[in-house]
């Protein structure tokens, strides 16, 4: 167990950040799945804007790697363009 007051606070804040990161990552994955299952092009284009923004935010906060974000966006854009 931590001995310092600052270490205890660090433990609390790390747990809060971990839960927030998990929630955001899981939400983004759900939206990606929803986008992949969409067959309507106009709906897919609207969803792509939202998903791209979410992926960029995850990459900015280092929740996912920037190259993974780039690959995801590229593949999803190809998918939407092929509809």
C-alpha atoms as a PDB file:
ATOM      1  CA  UNK A   1       0.000   0.000   0.000  1.00  0.00           C
ATOM      2  CA  UNK A   2       1.172   3.537  -0.712  1.00  0.00           C
ATOM      3  CA  UNK A   3       2.734   5.500   2.126  1.00  0.00           C
ATOM      4  CA  UNK A   4       2.441   9.050   0.819  1.00  0.00           C
ATOM      5  CA  UNK A   5      -0.622  11.201   0.441  1.00  0.00           C
ATOM      6  CA  UNK A   6       0.343  12.078  -3.141  1.00  0.00           C
ATOM      7  CA  UNK A   7       0.754   8.385  -4.013  1.00  0.00           C
ATOM      8  CA  UNK A   8      -2.742   7.644  -2.706  1.00  0.00           C
ATOM      9  CA  UNK A   9      -4.133  10.473  -4.838  1.00  0.00           C
ATOM     10  CA  UNK A  10      -2.196   9.170  -7.846  1.00  0.00           C
ATOM     11  CA  UNK A  11      -3.798   5.737  -7.369  1.00  0.00           C
ATOM     12  CA  UNK A  12      -7.278   7.288  -7.252  1.00  0.00           C
ATOM     13  CA  UNK A  13      -6.732   9.511 -10.280  1.00  0.00           C
ATOM     14  CA  UNK A  14      -5.144   6.694 -12.311  1.00  0.00           C
ATOM     15  CA  UNK A  15      -8.151   4.480 -11.681  1.00  0.00           C
ATOM     16  CA  UNK A  16     -10.546   7.242 -12.740  1.00  0.00           C
ATOM     17  CA  UNK A  17      -8.532   7.865 -15.929  1.00  0.00           C
ATOM     18  CA  UNK A  18      -8.356   4.131 -16.663  1.00  0.00           C
ATOM     19  CA  UNK A  19     -12.132   3.785 -16.429  1.00  0.00           C
ATOM     20  CA  UNK A  20     -12.698   6.858 -18.602  1.00  0.00           C
ATOM     21  CA  UNK A  21     -10.239   5.574 -21.228  1.00  0.00           C
ATOM     22  CA  UNK A  22     -11.894   2.135 -21.251  1.00  0.00           C
ATOM     23  CA  UNK A  23     -15.325   3.698 -21.683  1.00  0.00           C
ATOM     24  CA  UNK A  24     -14.217   5.927 -24.558  1.00  0.00           C
ATOM     25  CA  UNK A  25     -12.362   3.105 -26.307  1.00  0.00           C
ATOM     26  CA  UNK A  26     -15.283   0.699 -25.974  1.00  0.00           C
ATOM     27  CA  UNK A  27     -17.752   3.323 -27.209  1.00  0.00           C
ATOM     28  CA  UNK A  28     -15.580   4.010 -30.249  1.00  0.00           C
ATOM     29  CA  UNK A  29     -15.343   0.291 -31.060  1.00  0.00           C
ATOM     30  CA  UNK A  30     -19.134   0.017 -30.838  1.00  0.00           C
ATOM     31  CA  UNK A  31     -19.552   2.903 -33.301  1.00  0.00           C
ATOM     32  CA  UNK A  32     -17.007   1.314 -35.658  1.00  0.00           C
ATOM     33  CA  UNK A  33     -19.026  -1.929 -35.620  1.00  0.00           C
ATOM     34  CA  UNK A  34     -22.207   0.050 -36.265  1.00  0.00           C
ATOM     35  CA  UNK A  35     -20.523   1.780 -39.226  1.00  0.00           C
ATOM     36  CA  UNK A  36     -19.311  -1.533 -40.681  1.00  0.00           C
ATOM     37  CA  UNK A  37     -22.834  -2.969 -40.501  1.00  0.00           C
ATOM     38  CA  UNK A  38     -24.437   0.023 -42.225  1.00  0.00           C
ATOM     39  CA  UNK A  39     -25.534  -0.426 -45.825  1.00  0.00           C
ATOM     40  CA  UNK A  40     -27.017   3.057 -46.399  1.00  0.00           C
ATOM     41  CA  UNK A  41     -24.380   5.381 -47.882  1.00  0.00           C
ATOM     42  CA  UNK A  42     -25.694   8.701 -46.517  1.00  0.00           C
ATOM     43  CA  UNK A  43     -26.053   7.274 -43.017  1.00  0.00           C
ATOM     44  CA  UNK A  44     -22.569   5.766 -43.281  1.00  0.00           C
ATOM     45  CA  UNK A  45     -21.068   9.121 -44.294  1.00  0.00           C
ATOM     46  CA  UNK A  46     -22.600  10.840 -41.269  1.00  0.00           C
ATOM     47  CA  UNK A  47     -21.419   8.042 -39.006  1.00  0.00           C
ATOM     48  CA  UNK A  48     -17.932   8.185 -40.545  1.00  0.00           C
ATOM     49  CA  UNK A  49     -17.543  11.838 -39.501  1.00  0.00           C
ATOM     50  CA  UNK A  50     -18.452  10.978 -35.928  1.00  0.00           C
ATOM     51  CA  UNK A  51     -16.257   7.861 -35.793  1.00  0.00           C
ATOM     52  CA  UNK A  52     -13.278   9.675 -37.328  1.00  0.00           C
ATOM     53  CA  UNK A  53     -13.550  12.352 -34.662  1.00  0.00           C
ATOM     54  CA  UNK A  54     -13.719   9.730 -31.910  1.00  0.00           C
ATOM     55  CA  UNK A  55     -10.688   7.870 -33.288  1.00  0.00           C
ATOM     56  CA  UNK A  56      -8.704  11.124 -33.505  1.00  0.00           C
ATOM     57  CA  UNK A  57      -9.501  11.913 -29.873  1.00  0.00           C
ATOM     58  CA  UNK A  58      -8.321   8.458 -28.761  1.00  0.00           C
ATOM     59  CA  UNK A  59      -5.070   8.862 -30.689  1.00  0.00           C
ATOM     60  CA  UNK A  60      -4.520  12.361 -29.306  1.00  0.00           C
ATOM     61  CA  UNK A  61      -4.822  11.058 -25.741  1.00  0.00           C
ATOM     62  CA  UNK A  62      -2.568   8.042 -26.515  1.00  0.00           C
ATOM     63  CA  UNK A  63      -5.348   5.579 -25.758  1.00  0.00           C
ATOM     64  CA  UNK A  64      -4.615   4.033 -29.155  1.00  0.00           C
ATOM     65  CA  UNK A  65      -1.500   4.422 -31.289  1.00  0.00           C
ATOM     66  CA  UNK A  66      -1.584   7.111 -33.975  1.00  0.00           C
ATOM     67  CA  UNK A  67      -0.815   4.572 -36.716  1.00  0.00           C
ATOM     68  CA  UNK A  68      -3.672   2.343 -35.580  1.00  0.00           C
ATOM     69  CA  UNK A  69      -5.961   5.366 -35.698  1.00  0.00           C
ATOM     70  CA  UNK A  70      -4.760   6.190 -39.190  1.00  0.00           C
ATOM     71  CA  UNK A  71      -5.262   2.600 -40.391  1.00  0.00           C
ATOM     72  CA  UNK A  72      -8.774   2.467 -38.933  1.00  0.00           C
ATOM     73  CA  UNK A  73      -9.787   5.752 -40.543  1.00  0.00           C
ATOM     74  CA  UNK A  74      -8.354   4.692 -43.888  1.00  0.00           C
ATOM     75  CA  UNK A  75     -10.145   1.338 -43.909  1.00  0.00           C
ATOM     76  CA  UNK A  76     -13.445   2.844 -42.802  1.00  0.00           C
ATOM     77  CA  UNK A  77     -13.224   5.568 -45.457  1.00  0.00           C
ATOM     78  CA  UNK A  78     -12.594   2.926 -48.135  1.00  0.00           C
ATOM     79  CA  UNK A  79     -15.571   0.966 -46.872  1.00  0.00           C
ATOM     80  CA  UNK A  80     -17.885   3.982 -46.996  1.00  0.00           C
ATOM     81  CA  UNK A  81     -16.663   4.975 -50.466  1.00  0.00           C
ATOM     82  CA  UNK A  82     -17.331   1.466 -51.781  1.00  0.00           C
ATOM     83  CA  UNK A  83     -21.012   1.582 -50.703  1.00  0.00           C
END
